[in-house]
Amino acid sequence: MLDWMVWTTPVAVFFGCIALMLAVMTLWELRAPTVLRKGFLPMKTTRGDRLFVGLLSAAYINLAFIGIAGRLQEWLHLEEEPSIWWGSALSAVVLLLIMAKG
């Protein structure tokens, strides 16, 4: 059924984490409703807003990493392209930063 998509381990982990975050955020919202607050983002946001912005940022970071992986190999004189896990780790850090301080 899902043969049309290449479900590599990093892709499965990425989407699994998104599903887990959505489930946890739903339960958290039911348990303790959120309030608007102002962080470094240029608007007042709720937890859900910050999660949405963080997920978009994570997706763009992963796409950018895939796009520049070949260039990084050339620039850093690596034997092979850097692992996609580096891009995933960077996007997770950005997501956590946006959730905590955004």
N, C-alpha and C. Protein backbone atom coordinates (compact mmCIF):
# COMPACT_ATOMS: atom_id res chain seq x y z
N MET A 1 0.81 -1.19 0.00
CA MET A 1 0.00 0.00 0.00
C MET A 1 0.86 1.27 0.00
N LEU A 2 1.93 1.27 0.78
CA LEU A 2 2.78 2.45 0.86
C LEU A 2 4.04 2.30 0.03
N ASP A 3 4.00 1.47 -1.00
CA ASP A 3 5.17 1.26 -1.83
C ASP A 3 5.56 2.48 -2.65
N TRP A 4 4.65 3.43 -2.82
CA TRP A 4 4.92 4.60 -3.64
C TRP A 4 5.89 5.56 -2.94
N MET A 5 6.07 5.41 -1.62
CA MET A 5 6.95 6.32 -0.88
C MET A 5 8.13 5.55 -0.32
N VAL A 6 9.27 6.17 -0.34
CA VAL A 6 10.47 5.54 0.19
C VAL A 6 10.51 5.77 1.70
N TRP A 7 10.13 4.76 2.45
CA TRP A 7 10.11 4.87 3.91
C TRP A 7 11.44 4.40 4.47
N THR A 8 12.41 5.28 4.42
CA THR A 8 13.69 4.97 5.04
C THR A 8 13.55 5.17 6.54
N THR A 9 14.51 4.72 7.30
CA THR A 9 14.45 4.87 8.75
C THR A 9 14.35 6.34 9.17
N PRO A 10 15.18 7.26 8.63
CA PRO A 10 15.04 8.66 9.05
C PRO A 10 13.66 9.25 8.74
N VAL A 11 13.08 8.88 7.60
CA VAL A 11 11.75 9.40 7.24
C VAL A 11 10.71 8.85 8.21
N ALA A 12 10.78 7.58 8.53
CA ALA A 12 9.82 6.98 9.45
C ALA A 12 9.96 7.59 10.85
N VAL A 13 11.18 7.82 11.31
CA VAL A 13 11.40 8.44 12.62
C VAL A 13 10.85 9.86 12.62
N PHE A 14 11.11 10.62 11.56
CA PHE A 14 10.64 12.00 11.47
C PHE A 14 9.12 12.06 11.58
N PHE A 15 8.40 11.27 10.79
CA PHE A 15 6.95 11.29 10.82
C PHE A 15 6.39 10.67 12.10
N GLY A 16 7.09 9.68 12.63
CA GLY A 16 6.68 9.11 13.92
C GLY A 16 6.77 10.13 15.04
N CYS A 17 7.83 10.92 15.04
CA CYS A 17 7.99 11.99 16.04
C CYS A 17 6.90 13.04 15.89
N ILE A 18 6.55 13.39 14.68
CA ILE A 18 5.48 14.36 14.46
C ILE A 18 4.16 13.83 15.02
N ALA A 19 3.84 12.57 14.74
CA ALA A 19 2.60 11.98 15.26
C ALA A 19 2.61 11.95 16.78
N LEU A 20 3.75 11.59 17.37
CA LEU A 20 3.86 11.55 18.82
C LEU A 20 3.70 12.96 19.42
N MET A 21 4.33 13.97 18.80
CA MET A 21 4.20 15.34 19.29
C MET A 21 2.75 15.82 19.24
N LEU A 22 2.06 15.51 18.15
CA LEU A 22 0.66 15.93 18.04
C LEU A 22 -0.21 15.27 19.11
N ALA A 23 0.04 14.00 19.38
CA ALA A 23 -0.74 13.30 20.41
C ALA A 23 -0.45 13.88 21.79
N VAL A 24 0.82 14.11 22.10
CA VAL A 24 1.18 14.68 23.40
C VAL A 24 0.63 16.09 23.56
N MET A 25 0.73 16.89 22.50
CA MET A 25 0.23 18.26 22.58
C MET A 25 -1.29 18.28 22.77
N THR A 26 -2.00 17.34 22.15
CA THR A 26 -3.45 17.26 22.32
C THR A 26 -3.79 16.94 23.78
N LEU A 27 -3.11 15.95 24.34
CA LEU A 27 -3.37 15.59 25.74
C LEU A 27 -2.99 16.74 26.67
N TRP A 28 -1.87 17.41 26.40
CA TRP A 28 -1.43 18.53 27.22
C TRP A 28 -2.45 19.67 27.17
N GLU A 29 -2.99 19.93 25.99
CA GLU A 29 -3.97 21.00 25.84
C GLU A 29 -5.26 20.67 26.59
N LEU A 30 -5.67 19.40 26.57
CA LEU A 30 -6.87 19.00 27.30
C LEU A 30 -6.64 19.11 28.80
N ARG A 31 -5.46 18.79 29.24
CA ARG A 31 -5.14 18.81 30.68
C ARG A 31 -4.93 20.23 31.20
N ALA A 32 -4.20 21.06 30.43
CA ALA A 32 -3.88 22.43 30.86
C ALA A 32 -3.98 23.36 29.64
N PRO A 33 -5.13 23.99 29.46
CA PRO A 33 -5.28 24.89 28.31
C PRO A 33 -4.19 25.97 28.28
N THR A 34 -3.75 26.30 27.10
CA THR A 34 -2.65 27.24 26.92
C THR A 34 -3.13 28.68 26.95
N VAL A 35 -2.18 29.57 27.18
CA VAL A 35 -2.45 31.00 27.13
C VAL A 35 -1.48 31.63 26.13
N LEU A 36 -1.87 32.77 25.60
CA LEU A 36 -0.99 33.49 24.68
C LEU A 36 0.21 34.03 25.44
N ARG A 37 1.40 33.94 24.81
CA ARG A 37 2.58 34.56 25.40
C ARG A 37 3.49 35.06 24.29
N LYS A 38 4.33 36.01 24.63
CA LYS A 38 5.23 36.63 23.66
C LYS A 38 6.64 36.14 23.95
N GLY A 39 7.28 35.58 22.92
CA GLY A 39 8.68 35.17 23.00
C GLY A 39 9.45 35.90 21.94
N PHE A 40 10.43 35.24 21.33
CA PHE A 40 11.20 35.90 20.28
C PHE A 40 10.48 35.95 18.94
N LEU A 41 9.42 35.18 18.79
CA LEU A 41 8.62 35.28 17.56
C LEU A 41 7.89 36.61 17.56
N PRO A 42 7.65 37.19 16.39
CA PRO A 42 7.09 38.55 16.33
C PRO A 42 5.58 38.64 16.59
N MET A 43 5.04 37.69 17.35
CA MET A 43 3.61 37.70 17.63
C MET A 43 3.37 36.91 18.91
N LYS A 44 2.22 37.11 19.52
CA LYS A 44 1.86 36.29 20.68
C LYS A 44 1.41 34.93 20.15
N THR A 45 1.87 33.87 20.81
CA THR A 45 1.58 32.53 20.32
C THR A 45 1.12 31.62 21.45
N THR A 46 0.44 30.55 21.07
CA THR A 46 0.10 29.47 21.99
C THR A 46 1.08 28.32 21.74
N ARG A 47 0.99 27.29 22.57
CA ARG A 47 1.86 26.11 22.35
C ARG A 47 1.63 25.53 20.96
N GLY A 48 0.38 25.46 20.55
CA GLY A 48 0.06 24.89 19.23
C GLY A 48 0.65 25.72 18.10
N ASP A 49 0.60 27.05 18.25
CA ASP A 49 1.20 27.92 17.24
C ASP A 49 2.70 27.67 17.13
N ARG A 50 3.35 27.58 18.30
CA ARG A 50 4.79 27.36 18.30
C ARG A 50 5.15 25.99 17.73
N LEU A 51 4.31 24.98 18.02
CA LEU A 51 4.54 23.66 17.44
C LEU A 51 4.43 23.72 15.92
N PHE A 52 3.42 24.41 15.42
CA PHE A 52 3.24 24.53 13.98
C PHE A 52 4.43 25.23 13.33
N VAL A 53 4.85 26.36 13.88
CA VAL A 53 6.00 27.09 13.35
C VAL A 53 7.26 26.22 13.45
N GLY A 54 7.40 25.52 14.56
CA GLY A 54 8.57 24.64 14.75
C GLY A 54 8.59 23.49 13.76
N LEU A 55 7.43 22.89 13.49
CA LEU A 55 7.37 21.79 12.52
C LEU A 55 7.67 22.28 11.11
N LEU A 56 7.16 23.46 10.76
CA LEU A 56 7.49 24.02 9.46
C LEU A 56 8.99 24.28 9.34
N SER A 57 9.56 24.84 10.39
CA SER A 57 11.01 25.10 10.40
C SER A 57 11.79 23.80 10.27
N ALA A 58 11.37 22.78 11.00
CA ALA A 58 12.05 21.49 10.94
C ALA A 58 12.00 20.90 9.53
N ALA A 59 10.85 21.00 8.89
CA ALA A 59 10.70 20.47 7.53
C ALA A 59 11.62 21.21 6.57
N TYR A 60 11.66 22.55 6.67
CA TYR A 60 12.52 23.33 5.78
C TYR A 60 14.00 23.07 6.04
N ILE A 61 14.38 22.89 7.30
CA ILE A 61 15.77 22.58 7.61
C ILE A 61 16.15 21.23 7.02
N ASN A 62 15.27 20.24 7.15
CA ASN A 62 15.56 18.92 6.58
C ASN A 62 15.67 18.99 5.06
N LEU A 63 14.78 19.72 4.42
CA LEU A 63 14.86 19.86 2.96
C LEU A 63 16.13 20.59 2.54
N ALA A 64 16.48 21.64 3.26
CA ALA A 64 17.71 22.37 2.95
C ALA A 64 18.93 21.49 3.14
N PHE A 65 18.93 20.69 4.19
CA PHE A 65 20.07 19.80 4.44
C PHE A 65 20.22 18.78 3.32
N ILE A 66 19.10 18.23 2.88
CA ILE A 66 19.16 17.28 1.77
C ILE A 66 19.70 17.98 0.52
N GLY A 67 19.28 19.23 0.31
CA GLY A 67 19.72 19.97 -0.86
C GLY A 67 21.20 20.32 -0.85
N ILE A 68 21.76 20.58 0.33
CA ILE A 68 23.17 20.99 0.37
C ILE A 68 24.12 19.89 0.81
N ALA A 69 23.61 18.68 1.03
CA ALA A 69 24.47 17.59 1.50
C ALA A 69 25.62 17.32 0.53
N GLY A 70 25.35 17.34 -0.76
CA GLY A 70 26.41 17.13 -1.75
C GLY A 70 27.46 18.23 -1.71
N ARG A 71 27.00 19.46 -1.55
CA ARG A 71 27.93 20.60 -1.44
C ARG A 71 28.76 20.50 -0.17
N LEU A 72 28.13 20.09 0.93
CA LEU A 72 28.88 19.92 2.18
C LEU A 72 29.99 18.88 2.02
N GLN A 73 29.70 17.84 1.27
CA GLN A 73 30.70 16.81 1.02
C GLN A 73 31.90 17.41 0.30
N GLU A 74 31.63 18.26 -0.70
CA GLU A 74 32.71 18.90 -1.44
C GLU A 74 33.47 19.91 -0.57
N TRP A 75 32.73 20.78 0.11
CA TRP A 75 33.34 21.86 0.89
C TRP A 75 34.19 21.32 2.04
N LEU A 76 33.70 20.27 2.70
CA LEU A 76 34.39 19.72 3.87
C LEU A 76 35.30 18.55 3.52
N HIS A 77 35.40 18.24 2.22
CA HIS A 77 36.26 17.15 1.72
C HIS A 77 35.96 15.83 2.44
N LEU A 78 34.67 15.48 2.50
CA LEU A 78 34.24 14.24 3.13
C LEU A 78 34.25 13.11 2.11
N GLU A 79 34.41 11.89 2.59
CA GLU A 79 34.40 10.73 1.70
C GLU A 79 33.01 10.43 1.16
N GLU A 80 31.98 10.73 1.96
CA GLU A 80 30.60 10.52 1.52
C GLU A 80 29.74 11.66 2.05
N GLU A 81 28.51 11.76 1.54
CA GLU A 81 27.61 12.82 1.99
C GLU A 81 27.32 12.66 3.48
N PRO A 82 27.16 13.78 4.19
CA PRO A 82 26.83 13.68 5.61
C PRO A 82 25.47 13.01 5.82
N SER A 83 25.35 12.31 6.92
CA SER A 83 24.14 11.58 7.23
C SER A 83 22.96 12.53 7.43
N ILE A 84 21.80 12.08 7.00
CA ILE A 84 20.57 12.86 7.18
C ILE A 84 20.25 13.05 8.65
N TRP A 85 20.83 12.22 9.50
CA TRP A 85 20.60 12.35 10.94
C TRP A 85 21.12 13.70 11.46
N TRP A 86 22.15 14.27 10.83
CA TRP A 86 22.65 15.58 11.24
C TRP A 86 21.58 16.65 10.99
N GLY A 87 20.94 16.59 9.86
CA GLY A 87 19.85 17.52 9.57
C GLY A 87 18.68 17.33 10.51
N SER A 88 18.38 16.09 10.83
CA SER A 88 17.29 15.81 11.76
C SER A 88 17.61 16.33 13.16
N ALA A 89 18.84 16.16 13.58
CA ALA A 89 19.25 16.67 14.90
C ALA A 89 19.16 18.19 14.95
N LEU A 90 19.63 18.85 13.89
CA LEU A 90 19.55 20.30 13.83
C LEU A 90 18.10 20.78 13.86
N SER A 91 17.24 20.12 13.11
CA SER A 91 15.83 20.52 13.10
C SER A 91 15.17 20.27 14.46
N ALA A 92 15.57 19.22 15.17
CA ALA A 92 15.01 18.96 16.50
C ALA A 92 15.43 20.05 17.48
N VAL A 93 16.68 20.50 17.39
CA VAL A 93 17.16 21.57 18.26
C VAL A 93 16.39 22.86 17.99
N VAL A 94 16.19 23.18 16.71
CA VAL A 94 15.43 24.39 16.36
C VAL A 94 13.99 24.28 16.84
N LEU A 95 13.37 23.12 16.69
CA LEU A 95 12.01 22.91 17.16
C LEU A 95 11.93 23.11 18.66
N LEU A 96 12.85 22.55 19.40
CA LEU A 96 12.85 22.71 20.87
C LEU A 96 13.06 24.17 21.26
N LEU A 97 13.93 24.88 20.54
CA LEU A 97 14.16 26.29 20.83
C LEU A 97 12.90 27.11 20.59
N ILE A 98 12.22 26.84 19.49
CA ILE A 98 10.98 27.58 19.19
C ILE A 98 9.90 27.25 20.22
N MET A 99 9.79 25.99 20.62
CA MET A 99 8.78 25.62 21.61
C MET A 99 9.07 26.26 22.97
N ALA A 100 10.34 26.33 23.35
CA ALA A 100 10.69 26.84 24.68
C ALA A 100 10.72 28.36 24.74
N LYS A 101 11.30 28.99 23.73
CA LYS A 101 11.53 30.44 23.81
C LYS A 101 10.73 31.25 22.79
N GLY A 102 10.03 30.59 21.86
CA GLY A 102 9.32 31.31 20.81
C GLY A 102 8.12 31.96 21.35
